[in-house]
């Protein structure tokens, strides 16, 4: 006879501590600067994410050359505001191209 496997209760994950650790590495830039989104992905878009993690849900997808303002940075992530619609979120810093002054 078929016996369904007993599901284990999932172990709680302290998301707050993990998120606080990641966000703590983000530092506001001295002066926000204008930039555009760049990517080498064949899809030609990047995800604006809720927090700086590639597993984070995304707010929206944006095409290359979308104008942004960089508000804060870490070694890997940038917190940006989309000029077109005002959304604020995180993208990989490698997808940011600073505009000439």
Protein backbone atom coordinates (compact mmCIF):
# COMPACT_ATOMS: atom_id res chain seq x y z
CA UNK A 1 0.00 0.00 0.00
CA UNK A 2 1.11 3.56 -0.78
CA UNK A 3 2.32 5.53 2.23
CA UNK A 4 2.90 9.23 1.64
CA UNK A 5 6.17 10.47 3.04
CA UNK A 6 5.87 12.55 6.12
CA UNK A 7 6.80 16.12 5.37
CA UNK A 8 9.34 17.66 7.65
CA UNK A 9 8.47 21.01 9.10
CA UNK A 10 10.60 23.62 7.35
CA UNK A 11 13.27 25.13 9.50
CA UNK A 12 12.75 28.83 10.06
CA UNK A 13 15.24 31.10 8.35
CA UNK A 14 16.06 34.42 9.93
CA UNK A 15 15.51 36.47 6.79
CA UNK A 16 15.76 39.75 8.70
CA UNK A 17 19.29 39.06 9.88
CA UNK A 18 20.37 37.87 6.44
CA UNK A 19 18.79 40.88 4.73
CA UNK A 20 20.24 43.30 7.31
CA UNK A 21 23.71 41.86 6.66
CA UNK A 22 23.37 42.30 2.89
CA UNK A 23 21.84 45.78 3.06
CA UNK A 24 24.44 46.92 5.62
CA UNK A 25 27.08 46.59 2.89
CA UNK A 26 25.27 49.18 0.75
CA UNK A 27 26.64 52.70 1.27
CA UNK A 28 25.03 55.87 0.01
CA UNK A 29 27.09 57.62 -2.63
CA UNK A 30 28.35 61.07 -1.72
CA UNK A 31 26.35 62.56 -4.56
CA UNK A 32 23.77 60.57 -6.57
CA UNK A 33 24.81 60.31 -10.22
CA UNK A 34 23.13 59.75 -13.59
CA UNK A 35 23.70 56.46 -15.36
CA UNK A 36 22.06 54.01 -17.76
CA UNK A 37 21.40 50.30 -17.54
CA UNK A 38 23.76 48.11 -19.57
CA UNK A 39 23.79 44.34 -19.92
CA UNK A 40 25.44 41.66 -22.01
CA UNK A 41 22.48 39.31 -21.56
CA UNK A 42 20.85 38.19 -24.83
CA UNK A 43 17.46 39.22 -23.44
CA UNK A 44 18.64 42.86 -23.31
CA UNK A 45 16.99 43.59 -19.94
CA UNK A 46 17.82 43.51 -16.24
CA UNK A 47 15.67 42.98 -13.16
CA UNK A 48 15.17 45.75 -10.64
CA UNK A 49 15.08 43.81 -7.37
CA UNK A 50 13.53 44.50 -3.98
CA UNK A 51 16.80 43.87 -2.18
CA UNK A 52 20.39 43.14 -3.23
CA UNK A 53 20.28 39.41 -3.90
CA UNK A 54 19.89 37.53 -7.19
CA UNK A 55 17.23 35.38 -5.51
CA UNK A 56 15.15 38.42 -4.52
CA UNK A 57 11.85 38.94 -6.29
CA UNK A 58 12.01 41.59 -8.94
CA UNK A 59 9.93 44.75 -9.16
CA UNK A 60 10.16 45.19 -12.92
CA UNK A 61 12.34 44.43 -15.96
CA UNK A 62 14.16 47.29 -17.69
CA UNK A 63 15.83 47.44 -21.09
CA UNK A 64 19.36 48.61 -21.79
CA UNK A 65 19.82 52.39 -21.93
CA UNK A 66 17.07 52.99 -19.35
CA UNK A 67 18.07 56.14 -17.47
CA UNK A 68 18.72 55.71 -13.74
CA UNK A 69 20.08 57.66 -10.78
CA UNK A 70 22.51 55.74 -8.57
CA UNK A 71 21.73 56.36 -4.89
CA UNK A 72 23.92 53.82 -3.08
CA UNK A 73 26.47 51.12 -3.90
CA UNK A 74 28.29 48.09 -2.58
CA UNK A 75 31.04 46.19 -4.33
CA UNK A 76 28.42 44.13 -6.23
CA UNK A 77 25.10 46.05 -6.11
CA UNK A 78 23.72 49.51 -6.82
CA UNK A 79 20.55 50.98 -5.38
CA UNK A 80 18.99 52.99 -8.18
CA UNK A 81 15.95 55.05 -9.02
CA UNK A 82 14.43 54.63 -12.47
CA UNK A 83 14.03 58.10 -14.01
CA UNK A 84 11.02 57.11 -16.14
CA UNK A 85 8.74 55.79 -13.38
CA UNK A 86 10.44 56.61 -10.06
CA UNK A 87 10.79 53.00 -8.86
CA UNK A 88 13.69 52.38 -6.49
CA UNK A 89 15.42 49.02 -6.17
CA UNK A 90 18.67 47.14 -6.69
CA UNK A 91 20.54 46.02 -9.80
CA UNK A 92 23.93 44.42 -10.19
CA UNK A 93 26.58 47.12 -10.30
CA UNK A 94 28.05 45.53 -13.45
CA UNK A 95 24.83 46.64 -15.22
CA UNK A 96 25.41 50.32 -14.43
CA UNK A 97 27.16 52.65 -16.84
CA UNK A 98 27.84 56.12 -15.45
CA UNK A 99 27.06 58.97 -17.82
CA UNK A 100 29.78 61.51 -18.58
CA UNK A 101 29.58 64.70 -16.52
